[in-house]
C-alpha atoms as a PDB file:
ATOM      1  CA  MET A   1       8.792  -7.622  14.155  1.00  0.00           C
ATOM      2  CA  LYS A   2       8.478  -4.723  12.222  1.00  0.00           C
ATOM      3  CA  LEU A   3       4.603  -3.993  12.361  1.00  0.00           C
ATOM      4  CA  LYS A   4       2.026  -5.137  14.931  1.00  0.00           C
ATOM      5  CA  LEU A   5      -1.532  -4.523  15.040  1.00  0.00           C
ATOM      6  CA  ILE A   6      -3.607  -5.059  18.191  1.00  0.00           C
ATOM      7  CA  ASN A   7      -7.184  -5.078  18.363  1.00  0.00           C
ATOM      8  CA  LEU A   8      -7.948  -2.249  16.264  1.00  0.00           C
ATOM      9  CA  HIS A   9     -11.504  -0.621  16.286  1.00  0.00           C
ATOM     10  CA  LYS A  10     -12.470   2.380  13.864  1.00  0.00           C
ATOM     11  CA  ALA A  11     -16.004   3.553  13.269  1.00  0.00           C
ATOM     12  CA  PHE A  12     -17.555   6.631  11.526  1.00  0.00           C
ATOM     13  CA  GLY A  13     -20.680   7.560  13.124  1.00  0.00           C
ATOM     14  CA  ALA A  14     -22.834   4.563  13.591  1.00  0.00           C
ATOM     15  CA  ASN A  15     -20.670   2.482  10.681  1.00  0.00           C
ATOM     16  CA  LYS A  16     -18.314   0.006  12.401  1.00  0.00           C
ATOM     17  CA  ILE A  17     -15.282  -0.269   9.706  1.00  0.00           C
ATOM     18  CA  LEU A  18     -12.636  -1.718  11.819  1.00  0.00           C
ATOM     19  CA  ASN A  19     -14.000  -4.412  14.137  1.00  0.00           C
ATOM     20  CA  GLY A  20     -11.305  -5.477  16.278  1.00  0.00           C
ATOM     21  CA  ILE A  21      -8.115  -6.535  13.796  1.00  0.00           C
ATOM     22  CA  SER A  22      -4.862  -7.787  14.850  1.00  0.00           C
ATOM     23  CA  LEU A  23      -2.080  -8.874  12.820  1.00  0.00           C
ATOM     24  CA  ASP A  24       1.523  -9.236  12.954  1.00  0.00           C
ATOM     25  CA  VAL A  25       3.820  -8.050   9.795  1.00  0.00           C
ATOM     26  CA  ASN A  26       7.465  -9.299   9.565  1.00  0.00           C
ATOM     27  CA  GLN A  27      10.157  -7.938   7.737  1.00  0.00           C
ATOM     28  CA  GLY A  28      10.089  -8.379   4.364  1.00  0.00           C
ATOM     29  CA  GLU A  29       6.922  -9.785   3.932  1.00  0.00           C
ATOM     30  CA  MET A  30       4.149  -9.221   1.269  1.00  0.00           C
ATOM     31  CA  ILE A  31       0.844  -9.472   2.896  1.00  0.00           C
ATOM     32  CA  CYS A  32      -2.590  -8.740   0.679  1.00  0.00           C
ATOM     33  CA  LEU A  33      -5.570  -7.704   1.960  1.00  0.00           C
ATOM     34  CA  ILE A  34      -8.196  -9.295  -0.036  1.00  0.00           C
ATOM     35  CA  GLY A  35     -12.515  -8.759   0.572  1.00  0.00           C
ATOM     36  CA  ALA A  36     -15.291  -6.984  -0.636  1.00  0.00           C
ATOM     37  CA  SER A  37     -15.596  -3.185  -0.902  1.00  0.00           C
ATOM     38  CA  GLY A  38     -16.633  -1.869   2.278  1.00  0.00           C
ATOM     39  CA  SER A  39     -14.721  -4.716   4.275  1.00  0.00           C
ATOM     40  CA  GLY A  40     -12.410  -2.411   5.896  1.00  0.00           C
ATOM     41  CA  LYS A  41      -9.001  -2.972   3.553  1.00  0.00           C
ATOM     42  CA  SER A  42      -8.601   0.894   2.748  1.00  0.00           C
ATOM     43  CA  THR A  43      -9.555   1.863   6.266  1.00  0.00           C
ATOM     44  CA  LEU A  44      -7.111  -0.157   7.934  1.00  0.00           C
ATOM     45  CA  LEU A  45      -4.141   0.837   5.649  1.00  0.00           C
ATOM     46  CA  ARG A  46      -4.838   4.708   6.254  1.00  0.00           C
ATOM     47  CA  CYS A  47      -4.841   3.846  10.194  1.00  0.00           C
ATOM     48  CA  ILE A  48      -1.445   2.273   9.832  1.00  0.00           C
ATOM     49  CA  ASN A  49      -0.434   5.545   8.287  1.00  0.00           C
ATOM     50  CA  LEU A  50      -2.096   7.593  10.456  1.00  0.00           C
ATOM     51  CA  LEU A  51      -4.086   9.385   8.114  1.00  0.00           C
ATOM     52  CA  GLU A  52      -7.166   8.161  10.379  1.00  0.00           C
ATOM     53  CA  PRO A  53      -6.869   7.671  14.193  1.00  0.00           C
ATOM     54  CA  VAL A  54      -8.001   4.451  15.891  1.00  0.00           C
ATOM     55  CA  ASP A  55     -11.130   4.394  17.812  1.00  0.00           C
ATOM     56  CA  ASP A  56      -9.444   1.482  19.975  1.00  0.00           C
ATOM     57  CA  GLY A  57      -6.319  -1.017  19.631  1.00  0.00           C
ATOM     58  CA  GLU A  58      -2.711  -0.413  19.026  1.00  0.00           C
ATOM     59  CA  ILE A  59      -0.463   0.159  16.200  1.00  0.00           C
ATOM     60  CA  TRP A  60       3.229  -0.929  17.288  1.00  0.00           C
ATOM     61  CA  LEU A  61       6.383  -0.087  14.865  1.00  0.00           C
ATOM     62  CA  ASP A  62       9.878  -1.171  15.789  1.00  0.00           C
ATOM     63  CA  GLY A  63       8.750  -1.436  18.988  1.00  0.00           C
ATOM     64  CA  GLU A  64       7.121   1.664  19.617  1.00  0.00           C
ATOM     65  CA  GLU A  65       3.650   2.316  20.236  1.00  0.00           C
ATOM     66  CA  ILE A  66       2.326   4.979  17.080  1.00  0.00           C
ATOM     67  CA  GLY A  67      -1.616   4.672  17.774  1.00  0.00           C
ATOM     68  CA  ASP A  68      -1.363   7.615  20.484  1.00  0.00           C
ATOM     69  CA  PRO A  69      -3.532  10.624  18.330  1.00  0.00           C
ATOM     70  CA  ALA A  70      -1.156  12.985  20.349  1.00  0.00           C
ATOM     71  CA  LEU A  71       1.969  11.736  18.525  1.00  0.00           C
ATOM     72  CA  ASP A  72       3.638  13.782  15.733  1.00  0.00           C
ATOM     73  CA  PRO A  73       2.488  11.510  12.707  1.00  0.00           C
ATOM     74  CA  GLN A  74       5.130  12.942  10.699  1.00  0.00           C
ATOM     75  CA  PRO A  75       7.967  10.912  11.640  1.00  0.00           C
ATOM     76  CA  VAL A  76       5.730   7.621  11.260  1.00  0.00           C
ATOM     77  CA  ARG A  77       5.079   8.445   7.684  1.00  0.00           C
ATOM     78  CA  GLN A  78       8.506   8.885   6.730  1.00  0.00           C
ATOM     79  CA  LYS A  79       8.987   5.355   7.773  1.00  0.00           C
ATOM     80  CA  ILE A  80       5.278   4.005   6.274  1.00  0.00           C
ATOM     81  CA  GLY A  81       4.658   5.049   2.644  1.00  0.00           C
ATOM     82  CA  ILE A  82       1.205   4.669   0.944  1.00  0.00           C
ATOM     83  CA  VAL A  83       0.554   4.947  -2.380  1.00  0.00           C
ATOM     84  CA  PHE A  84      -3.297   5.217  -3.111  1.00  0.00           C
ATOM     85  CA  GLN A  85      -5.128   4.475  -6.622  1.00  0.00           C
ATOM     86  CA  SER A  86      -5.527   7.786  -7.487  1.00  0.00           C
ATOM     87  CA  PHE A  87      -2.286   9.314  -8.604  1.00  0.00           C
ATOM     88  CA  ASN A  88      -2.737  12.457  -6.700  1.00  0.00           C
ATOM     89  CA  LEU A  89      -0.065  14.003  -8.791  1.00  0.00           C
ATOM     90  CA  PHE A  90       0.354  17.967  -8.934  1.00  0.00           C
ATOM     91  CA  PRO A  91      -0.547  18.653 -12.547  1.00  0.00           C
ATOM     92  CA  HIS A  92       1.568  21.862 -12.591  1.00  0.00           C
ATOM     93  CA  MET A  93       4.753  20.056 -11.234  1.00  0.00           C
ATOM     94  CA  THR A  94       6.987  17.909 -13.697  1.00  0.00           C
ATOM     95  CA  ALA A  95       7.014  13.998 -12.595  1.00  0.00           C
ATOM     96  CA  GLU A  96      10.846  14.777 -11.322  1.00  0.00           C
ATOM     97  CA  GLU A  97       9.082  18.016  -9.416  1.00  0.00           C
ATOM     98  CA  ASN A  98       6.575  15.687  -7.855  1.00  0.00           C
ATOM     99  CA  VAL A  99       9.021  13.279  -6.229  1.00  0.00           C
ATOM    100  CA  MET A 100      11.002  15.666  -5.016  1.00  0.00           C
ATOM    101  CA  LEU A 101       8.817  17.613  -3.363  1.00  0.00           C
ATOM    102  CA  ALA A 102       8.454  15.994  -0.212  1.00  0.00           C
ATOM    103  CA  PRO A 103      12.380  15.081   0.522  1.00  0.00           C
ATOM    104  CA  ARG A 104      13.037  18.743  -0.019  1.00  0.00           C
ATOM    105  CA  ARG A 105      10.594  19.448   2.517  1.00  0.00           C
ATOM    106  CA  ILE A 106      11.339  17.089   4.980  1.00  0.00           C
ATOM    107  CA  PHE A 107      15.029  16.125   4.644  1.00  0.00           C
ATOM    108  CA  LYS A 108      15.905  20.089   3.593  1.00  0.00           C
ATOM    109  CA  LYS A 109      17.846  18.660   0.694  1.00  0.00           C
ATOM    110  CA  SER A 110      18.798  20.436  -2.365  1.00  0.00           C
ATOM    111  CA  ARG A 111      17.798  18.897  -5.998  1.00  0.00           C
ATOM    112  CA  ASP A 112      21.278  18.393  -6.657  1.00  0.00           C
ATOM    113  CA  ALA A 113      21.895  16.707  -3.470  1.00  0.00           C
ATOM    114  CA  LEU A 114      18.630  14.387  -4.090  1.00  0.00           C
ATOM    115  CA  ARG A 115      19.074  13.818  -8.145  1.00  0.00           C
ATOM    116  CA  PRO A 116      21.198  11.169  -7.982  1.00  0.00           C
ATOM    117  CA  GLN A 117      18.709   9.282  -5.998  1.00  0.00           C
ATOM    118  CA  VAL A 118      15.594  10.067  -7.491  1.00  0.00           C
ATOM    119  CA  GLU A 119      17.478   9.631 -11.173  1.00  0.00           C
ATOM    120  CA  ALA A 120      18.162   6.144 -10.179  1.00  0.00           C
ATOM    121  CA  LEU A 121      14.772   5.262  -9.272  1.00  0.00           C
ATOM    122  CA  PHE A 122      13.437   6.718 -12.207  1.00  0.00           C
ATOM    123  CA  ASP A 123      15.823   4.528 -14.097  1.00  0.00           C
ATOM    124  CA  ARG A 124      14.865   1.606 -11.930  1.00  0.00           C
ATOM    125  CA  PHE A 125      11.247   1.636 -12.937  1.00  0.00           C
ATOM    126  CA  GLY A 126      11.679   2.552 -16.547  1.00  0.00           C
ATOM    127  CA  LEU A 127      10.929   6.446 -16.115  1.00  0.00           C
ATOM    128  CA  LEU A 128      14.097   8.028 -16.827  1.00  0.00           C
ATOM    129  CA  ASP A 129      13.084   9.618 -19.783  1.00  0.00           C
ATOM    130  CA  ARG A 130       9.755  10.856 -18.563  1.00  0.00           C
ATOM    131  CA  MET A 131      11.521  13.043 -15.660  1.00  0.00           C
ATOM    132  CA  GLN A 132      10.713  16.295 -17.010  1.00  0.00           C
ATOM    133  CA  HIS A 133       7.051  15.315 -18.444  1.00  0.00           C
ATOM    134  CA  TYR A 134       4.259  16.502 -16.641  1.00  0.00           C
ATOM    135  CA  PRO A 135       1.268  14.343 -15.423  1.00  0.00           C
ATOM    136  CA  ASP A 136      -0.933  14.606 -18.679  1.00  0.00           C
ATOM    137  CA  GLN A 137       1.498  13.675 -20.514  1.00  0.00           C
ATOM    138  CA  LEU A 138       1.898  10.424 -18.852  1.00  0.00           C
ATOM    139  CA  SER A 139      -0.124   7.316 -19.524  1.00  0.00           C
ATOM    140  CA  GLY A 140      -2.335   5.807 -16.057  1.00  0.00           C
ATOM    141  CA  GLY A 141       0.408   3.407 -15.647  1.00  0.00           C
ATOM    142  CA  GLN A 142       3.484   5.573 -15.533  1.00  0.00           C
ATOM    143  CA  GLN A 143       1.256   8.245 -13.491  1.00  0.00           C
ATOM    144  CA  GLN A 144       1.007   5.427 -11.176  1.00  0.00           C
ATOM    145  CA  ARG A 145       4.645   4.486 -11.246  1.00  0.00           C
ATOM    146  CA  VAL A 146       5.672   7.814 -10.561  1.00  0.00           C
ATOM    147  CA  ALA A 147       3.628   7.958  -7.464  1.00  0.00           C
ATOM    148  CA  ILE A 148       5.379   4.961  -6.358  1.00  0.00           C
ATOM    149  CA  VAL A 149       8.797   6.533  -6.922  1.00  0.00           C
ATOM    150  CA  ARG A 150       7.556   9.581  -4.793  1.00  0.00           C
ATOM    151  CA  ALA A 151       7.064   7.139  -2.187  1.00  0.00           C
ATOM    152  CA  LEU A 152      10.098   5.228  -2.316  1.00  0.00           C
ATOM    153  CA  ALA A 153      12.133   8.619  -2.362  1.00  0.00           C
ATOM    154  CA  MET A 154      11.306   8.894   1.454  1.00  0.00           C
ATOM    155  CA  ASN A 155      13.329   5.658   2.062  1.00  0.00           C
ATOM    156  CA  PRO A 156      10.351   3.829   3.926  1.00  0.00           C
ATOM    157  CA  GLU A 157      10.749   0.808   5.996  1.00  0.00           C
ATOM    158  CA  ILE A 158       6.911  -0.222   4.904  1.00  0.00           C
ATOM    159  CA  MET A 159       5.217   0.321   2.052  1.00  0.00           C
ATOM    160  CA  LEU A 160       1.213   0.648   2.184  1.00  0.00           C
ATOM    161  CA  PHE A 161      -0.517   0.157  -1.665  1.00  0.00           C
ATOM    162  CA  ASP A 162      -4.400   0.714  -1.624  1.00  0.00           C
ATOM    163  CA  GLU A 163      -5.833  -0.532  -4.726  1.00  0.00           C
ATOM    164  CA  ILE A 164      -3.336   0.736  -6.872  1.00  0.00           C
ATOM    165  CA  THR A 165      -4.304  -0.851 -10.016  1.00  0.00           C
ATOM    166  CA  SER A 166      -7.768  -0.519  -9.843  1.00  0.00           C
ATOM    167  CA  ALA A 167      -8.203   2.842 -11.937  1.00  0.00           C
ATOM    168  CA  LEU A 168      -6.006   1.571 -14.686  1.00  0.00           C
ATOM    169  CA  ASP A 169      -6.963   0.426 -18.038  1.00  0.00           C
ATOM    170  CA  PRO A 170      -6.271  -3.322 -18.078  1.00  0.00           C
ATOM    171  CA  GLU A 171      -3.356  -3.142 -20.334  1.00  0.00           C
ATOM    172  CA  LEU A 172      -1.460  -1.034 -17.615  1.00  0.00           C
ATOM    173  CA  VAL A 173      -1.760  -3.047 -14.606  1.00  0.00           C
ATOM    174  CA  GLY A 174       0.811  -5.613 -15.597  1.00  0.00           C
ATOM    175  CA  GLU A 175       3.106  -2.639 -15.303  1.00  0.00           C
ATOM    176  CA  VAL A 176       2.365  -1.716 -12.018  1.00  0.00           C
ATOM    177  CA  LEU A 177       2.542  -5.228 -10.373  1.00  0.00           C
ATOM    178  CA  GLU A 178       6.207  -5.648 -12.007  1.00  0.00           C
ATOM    179  CA  VAL A 179       7.113  -3.093  -9.690  1.00  0.00           C
ATOM    180  CA  LEU A 180       5.388  -4.228  -6.681  1.00  0.00           C
ATOM    181  CA  LYS A 181       7.483  -7.735  -7.631  1.00  0.00           C
ATOM    182  CA  SER A 182      10.880  -6.174  -8.036  1.00  0.00           C
ATOM    183  CA  LEU A 183      10.355  -4.359  -4.571  1.00  0.00           C
ATOM    184  CA  LYS A 184       9.391  -7.659  -2.705  1.00  0.00           C
ATOM    185  CA  ASP A 185      12.689  -9.062  -4.516  1.00  0.00           C
ATOM    186  CA  ASP A 186      14.034  -6.238  -2.987  1.00  0.00           C
ATOM    187  CA  GLY A 187      13.015  -7.716   0.673  1.00  0.00           C
ATOM    188  CA  MET A 188      10.464  -4.265   1.200  1.00  0.00           C
ATOM    189  CA  THR A 189       7.875  -4.799   3.554  1.00  0.00           C
ATOM    190  CA  MET A 190       4.378  -4.444   1.937  1.00  0.00           C
ATOM    191  CA  ILE A 191       0.578  -4.689   2.516  1.00  0.00           C
ATOM    192  CA  LEU A 192      -1.595  -4.314  -0.320  1.00  0.00           C
ATOM    193  CA  ALA A 193      -5.430  -4.065  -0.732  1.00  0.00           C
ATOM    194  CA  THR A 194      -6.135  -5.759  -4.037  1.00  0.00           C
ATOM    195  CA  HIS A 195      -8.729  -7.179  -6.077  1.00  0.00           C
ATOM    196  CA  GLU A 196      -6.022  -8.769  -8.571  1.00  0.00           C
ATOM    197  CA  MET A 197      -6.297 -12.256  -7.128  1.00  0.00           C
ATOM    198  CA  ALA A 198      -3.806 -13.781  -9.754  1.00  0.00           C
ATOM    199  CA  PHE A 199      -1.281 -11.461  -8.525  1.00  0.00           C
ATOM    200  CA  ALA A 200      -1.980 -12.233  -4.483  1.00  0.00           C
ATOM    201  CA  ARG A 201      -2.127 -15.792  -5.507  1.00  0.00           C
ATOM    202  CA  ASP A 202       1.307 -16.196  -6.966  1.00  0.00           C
ATOM    203  CA  VAL A 203       3.406 -13.464  -5.273  1.00  0.00           C
ATOM    204  CA  ALA A 204       2.224 -12.647  -1.677  1.00  0.00           C
ATOM    205  CA  ASP A 205       3.771 -14.558   1.461  1.00  0.00           C
ATOM    206  CA  ARG A 206       0.137 -13.912   2.993  1.00  0.00           C
ATOM    207  CA  VAL A 207      -3.079 -13.336   2.341  1.00  0.00           C
ATOM    208  CA  CYS A 208      -5.711 -11.855   4.508  1.00  0.00           C
ATOM    209  CA  PHE A 209      -9.408 -12.236   3.994  1.00  0.00           C
ATOM    210  CA  LEU A 210     -11.465  -9.285   5.494  1.00  0.00           C
ATOM    211  CA  ASP A 211     -14.868  -9.662   6.083  1.00  0.00           C
ATOM    212  CA  LYS A 212     -17.038  -6.917   7.693  1.00  0.00           C
ATOM    213  CA  GLY A 213     -14.356  -4.965   9.572  1.00  0.00           C
ATOM    214  CA  ARG A 214     -12.573  -8.395  10.725  1.00  0.00           C
ATOM    215  CA  ILE A 215      -9.727 -10.897   9.405  1.00  0.00           C
ATOM    216  CA  LEU A 216     -12.205 -13.822   9.026  1.00  0.00           C
ATOM    217  CA  GLU A 217      -9.342 -15.815   7.192  1.00  0.00           C
ATOM    218  CA  GLN A 218      -5.500 -15.760   6.721  1.00  0.00           C
ATOM    219  CA  GLY A 219      -3.047 -17.885   5.930  1.00  0.00           C
ATOM    220  CA  ILE A 220      -0.442 -18.409   2.605  1.00  0.00           C
ATOM    221  CA  PRO A 221      -2.161 -18.119  -0.568  1.00  0.00           C
ATOM    222  CA  GLU A 222      -2.238 -21.877  -1.619  1.00  0.00           C
ATOM    223  CA  GLN A 223      -4.457 -22.360   1.535  1.00  0.00           C
ATOM    224  CA  ILE A 224      -6.605 -19.264   1.086  1.00  0.00           C
ATOM    225  CA  PHE A 225      -7.129 -19.949  -2.633  1.00  0.00           C
ATOM    226  CA  SER A 226      -7.491 -23.897  -2.941  1.00  0.00           C
ATOM    227  CA  ASN A 227      -8.728 -24.795   0.452  1.00  0.00           C
ATOM    228  CA  PRO A 228     -10.446 -21.839   2.479  1.00  0.00           C
ATOM    229  CA  LYS A 229     -11.866 -23.066   5.829  1.00  0.00           C
ATOM    230  CA  GLU A 230     -14.746 -20.247   5.950  1.00  0.00           C
ATOM    231  CA  GLU A 231     -17.833 -20.345   4.052  1.00  0.00           C
ATOM    232  CA  ARG A 232     -17.782 -16.738   3.556  1.00  0.00           C
ATOM    233  CA  THR A 233     -14.318 -16.708   2.204  1.00  0.00           C
ATOM    234  CA  ARG A 234     -15.164 -19.496  -0.434  1.00  0.00           C
ATOM    235  CA  ASP A 235     -18.247 -17.372  -1.601  1.00  0.00           C
ATOM    236  CA  PHE A 236     -16.360 -14.554  -2.180  1.00  0.00           C
ATOM    237  CA  LEU A 237     -13.330 -16.233  -4.126  1.00  0.00           C
ATOM    238  CA  ALA A 238     -15.906 -17.782  -6.279  1.00  0.00           C
ATOM    239  CA  ARG A 239     -17.839 -15.017  -7.101  1.00  0.00           C
ATOM    240  CA  VAL A 240     -14.596 -12.796  -8.071  1.00  0.00           C
ATOM    241  CA  LEU A 241     -12.880 -15.419  -9.902  1.00  0.00           C
ATOM    242  CA  ARG A 242     -15.864 -16.233 -11.795  1.00  0.00           C
ATOM    243  CA  GLU A 243     -16.152 -12.492 -12.646  1.00  0.00           C
ATOM    244  CA  HIS A 244     -12.754 -12.694 -13.868  1.00  0.00           C
END
């Protein structure tokens, strides 16, 4: 078992965001989180990455409880990478410099020592000829792929993706989803918050439907999309699939 969430609660003031979420994530599994905006998907990912402290509950990684606010989050974030819908690239740095920044600081490695691994990542995702480009010289899809490369350069065990295609033009979505498919083929453990229902149906190992801070229903994609048990799940899918 890689990751175990037990009864997570999180509120901002009187607004309850997570309301008792428990989830086991297995090695090499891709889990897609679906649900309406405000259902808790993004906050859940931020809590797993320790960007937000939980109010109650436990987060276990490799047999160690990591949810304690007194813990140094940095070693955990080396194991759990996260990519957001906004690319968060430094505009004054080239794509290569953006990717190398964290490994150079954390692992104390030189550019020359990092270059073979970094070049291999850029090459794998079709960006080798873009390494010396600045973010404003890249398309949205290319910037998002650079953001994924930046996270992978830390050699994480688990990757979290928070609506990473929602800021992209429709024609650029496919190239980013292809990256996720290739990571799944590699056996990367992943949790995605996504509105891409066709992708979740075709690629995920498990789909979790979140509603009001709870996992209302979870199962294999075929069960969730073809025969959901909960009326709320049926209503959500009917609305979302009709819009698409």
